[in-house]
Amino acid sequence: MAPKDMKFIADVYHMMKQIEELIKDNGMEHRVMAAIFVGLMDEQHLEDLADQEAEFGDVSMHSMYSFNIDSKQELEVIKGIMDEAYDNDKPDLDDLLGGLGISLN
C-alpha cells in the first residue's frame, strides 16, 4: 500500500474515532443512529474495471466502518435512508424521512 494511502486511511480512522468520542462525550449514544463505511479501492483494480477486465466484486478494497445502532431494525432504517438518498428522483429530506416514520422535529 502506498504511503499516501496509508496516511489517508489513518486520517479517516482518526476522524471516525473522533465522531464516536463526540457521540459518547455528549451522552448521545441512545439518540444517535450512525453507520459509517469508508472503502479505499486499489488503483490497479479500478483501472481493470475501467477496461472491463474485472468484476466489481473483484476490486481490492481497504475498508473501515463504525456503527452506533442498537438493533437490526435501526440498521434497516439507515440502509433505507441511504437507498432513498442515493435515488436522484427523491433528493428532498422530507421525502426520505416521511416513509420511515422519522421526524426531525
Protein backbone atom coordinates (compact mmCIF):
# COMPACT_ATOMS: atom_id res chain seq x y z
CA MET A 1 0.00 0.00 0.00
CA ALA A 2 1.31 3.43 -0.93
CA PRO A 3 2.33 5.76 1.92
CA LYS A 4 -0.28 8.35 0.89
CA ASP A 5 -2.98 5.64 1.02
CA MET A 6 -1.83 4.57 4.48
CA LYS A 7 -1.94 8.18 5.68
CA PHE A 8 -5.41 8.64 4.23
CA ILE A 9 -6.70 5.51 5.97
CA ALA A 10 -5.11 6.61 9.25
CA ASP A 11 -6.71 10.07 8.94
CA VAL A 12 -10.15 8.59 8.20
CA TYR A 13 -9.81 6.18 11.14
CA HIS A 14 -8.88 9.09 13.41
CA MET A 15 -11.93 11.07 12.28
CA MET A 16 -14.22 8.09 12.84
CA LYS A 17 -12.87 7.77 16.37
CA GLN A 18 -13.49 11.49 16.92
CA ILE A 19 -17.12 11.05 15.85
CA GLU A 20 -17.52 8.07 18.19
CA GLU A 21 -16.00 10.09 21.05
CA LEU A 22 -18.23 13.09 20.28
CA ILE A 23 -21.31 10.89 20.50
CA LYS A 24 -20.14 9.31 23.76
CA ASP A 25 -18.87 12.55 25.38
CA ASN A 26 -22.26 14.17 24.80
CA GLY A 27 -24.19 11.20 26.12
CA MET A 28 -25.95 10.77 22.78
CA GLU A 29 -25.41 7.02 22.33
CA HIS A 30 -29.13 6.34 22.81
CA ARG A 31 -30.23 9.14 20.44
CA VAL A 32 -27.73 8.98 17.57
CA MET A 33 -28.02 6.43 14.81
CA ALA A 34 -24.77 6.31 12.87
CA ALA A 35 -23.29 3.98 10.32
CA ILE A 36 -20.04 4.98 8.63
CA PHE A 37 -18.31 2.92 5.96
CA VAL A 38 -15.27 4.11 4.03
CA GLY A 39 -13.52 1.98 1.44
CA LEU A 40 -10.38 2.80 -0.49
CA MET A 41 -10.20 0.83 -3.73
CA ASP A 42 -6.93 -0.35 -5.18
CA GLU A 43 -5.97 1.81 -8.19
CA GLN A 44 -4.94 -1.15 -10.37
CA HIS A 45 -8.28 -2.82 -9.84
CA LEU A 46 -10.05 0.42 -10.74
CA GLU A 47 -8.09 0.54 -14.00
CA ASP A 48 -9.08 -3.09 -14.69
CA LEU A 49 -12.73 -2.20 -14.04
CA ALA A 50 -12.47 0.68 -16.49
CA ASP A 51 -11.18 -1.82 -19.06
CA GLN A 52 -13.98 -4.20 -18.04
CA GLU A 53 -11.47 -6.96 -17.33
CA ALA A 54 -12.66 -7.37 -13.75
CA GLU A 55 -15.96 -7.77 -11.99
CA PHE A 56 -16.88 -5.17 -9.35
CA GLY A 57 -16.70 -7.90 -6.69
CA ASP A 58 -13.07 -8.47 -7.63
CA VAL A 59 -11.99 -4.97 -6.63
CA SER A 60 -9.46 -4.91 -3.81
CA MET A 61 -10.55 -2.51 -1.10
CA HIS A 62 -9.23 -1.44 2.28
CA SER A 63 -12.23 -0.53 4.38
CA MET A 64 -13.27 0.55 7.83
CA TYR A 65 -16.60 1.06 9.47
CA SER A 66 -18.23 2.31 12.63
CA PHE A 67 -21.77 1.76 13.91
CA ASN A 68 -23.80 3.39 16.64
CA ILE A 69 -27.03 1.44 16.32
CA ASP A 70 -28.94 -0.68 18.79
CA SER A 71 -30.69 -3.21 16.60
CA LYS A 72 -31.07 -4.78 13.21
CA GLN A 73 -34.19 -2.61 12.83
CA GLU A 74 -32.12 0.57 13.20
CA LEU A 75 -29.66 -0.81 10.64
CA GLU A 76 -32.54 -1.37 8.23
CA VAL A 77 -33.75 2.23 8.79
CA ILE A 78 -30.28 3.58 8.00
CA LYS A 79 -30.00 1.39 4.90
CA GLY A 80 -33.42 2.57 3.77
CA ILE A 81 -32.46 6.21 4.19
CA MET A 82 -29.23 5.63 2.27
CA ASP A 83 -31.09 3.86 -0.55
CA GLU A 84 -33.55 6.74 -0.79
CA ALA A 85 -30.78 9.37 -0.59
CA TYR A 86 -28.99 7.69 -3.46
CA ASP A 87 -32.09 7.90 -5.61
CA ASN A 88 -31.78 11.18 -7.52
CA ASP A 89 -35.53 11.32 -8.03
CA LYS A 90 -36.14 11.92 -4.31
CA PRO A 91 -33.47 14.30 -3.02
CA ASP A 92 -35.84 16.04 -0.53
CA LEU A 93 -35.11 15.09 3.11
CA ASP A 94 -38.83 15.23 3.98
CA ASP A 95 -39.48 12.59 1.30
CA LEU A 96 -36.65 10.46 2.68
CA LEU A 97 -37.87 10.51 6.27
CA GLY A 98 -41.60 10.56 5.60
CA GLY A 99 -41.91 6.92 4.60
CA LEU A 100 -39.80 5.74 7.52
CA GLY A 101 -41.86 7.24 10.34
CA ILE A 102 -38.98 9.51 11.38
CA SER A 103 -39.35 13.21 12.13
CA LEU A 104 -36.63 15.78 12.71
CA ASN A 105 -38.99 17.80 14.94
